[in-house]
Amino acid sequence: MNEPLRPSTLGEILDRTAQLYRARFLLLLGISVIPTVVVVALACIIGLVVAWWSAAGAGSVPEEEGYVLVAVFAIGVTLVALPIFLAATALAMAAMCHAVSRVHMGQTTTLRDAYKSVWRRGWRYIGLYLLEGLIIGAAPIAVWTVLVILVSGAAALARTAGMESITGGALFILAAVLAVVALVGYVIWMALRLSLAFPACVVEQIGAWTAIKRSSLLSLGTKGRIFVLFLLGVALSWLLSMGVTLPLVIILSLLPGMNNAQHAQAAALVMVFIVYGAAFAVQALVRPVYGIALVLFYYDQRIRIEGFDIEWMMQQAGMVVALPPTAQVPPPASPGLRADPRNPFVPAPEPPQE
């Protein structure tokens, strides 16, 4: 890194994000494309099995048993594919943070080194990803489920007691809208609050729960800027999706014979592949933007809150030894004293000699 560390504005962080993406495009895209390759491979396997079943297996069993087999297959695919996808996504996020951190700090890395560095602690990053999913996604879903059950029970009791009214229905709709707004607000707030957990976990080599707490601290005062980043990312994803999908759809519609009824099913199948393929490609292209920007926000917040720029300059000058932010070093024990096992920071006297 040629530029000195200092607090940055949102525009400077976005500009730096574009610079790093252009400079290490192949590295960052290679890290980002791994989860997409996993999803595409699983989708191809599922598609081949479905095609085989439609061609050969569907007519060999009764219709009722066919539905049961399809349901069992769907459940089995979910139980196998979902953990693989979650693990690949978590490792890709950790590898992205590692690569961006090294490049931002003026060091070098490769695709192999990025994944090798996070593979040794893979369970930590998978656990962090699951923990974020539980906090951001599972918690509001559970709350919504409980609310639906309670409201349904109250509505059933009201019908039984003959207390139904137009006012009651309007109040129910209003309460449902307010609950949805509150849960969406919670999801957005927690996503912003936990957005710096992966950079903290990777750079500082701390546990998943400690990274959650670190992100809550480091995100103070910058949630608005991160929210703008997410909005820009959504807009970029939409523009790229339209830019990739529309030309392919237009080309497909202009091909001879594609408008005939005989080719309607094939055209629909090709259209589905185009839409999903474009979505996967856009996701792989946009994912590094989030990864780069969040790592830059992480370092920017450490500079603002903890004075990391001064610490880094002292480390570069050889004045201090780099330590994790949470590390504690006990003071040296005096001669003839040993550490108290109950508190290693307080030396205890040696037992008297007999």
Foldseek 3Di string as FASTA:
>chain_A
DPDFDDFDDLVVLLVVLVVVCVVPVVQLLVLLCQLLVLVVVLVVVVVVVVVCCVVPVVVPDDPVVVVVVVVVVVVVSCVPSVVVSLLSVLLSLLLLLVQLVQVVVPHDDGNVRSSVLCVVVSVQSSVLSVVLCCQQPVVLVVVVVVVVVVVVVVVVVCVVVVNDDPVVVVVVVVVVVVSVVVSVVSNLVLCLQLLLLSSLCNPLVDGNVVSSVVSNVLSPPPSVSVVVLVVVLVVQLVVQLCVQLVVVLVVQVPDPPCPDPVNVVVSVVVSVCSNVVSNSVSSSNSVSSSSNSSSVSSSSSCCVPPVVSVVVVCVVVVNDDDHRPPDDDADDDDPQWAADVVDRNDTDHDDDDD
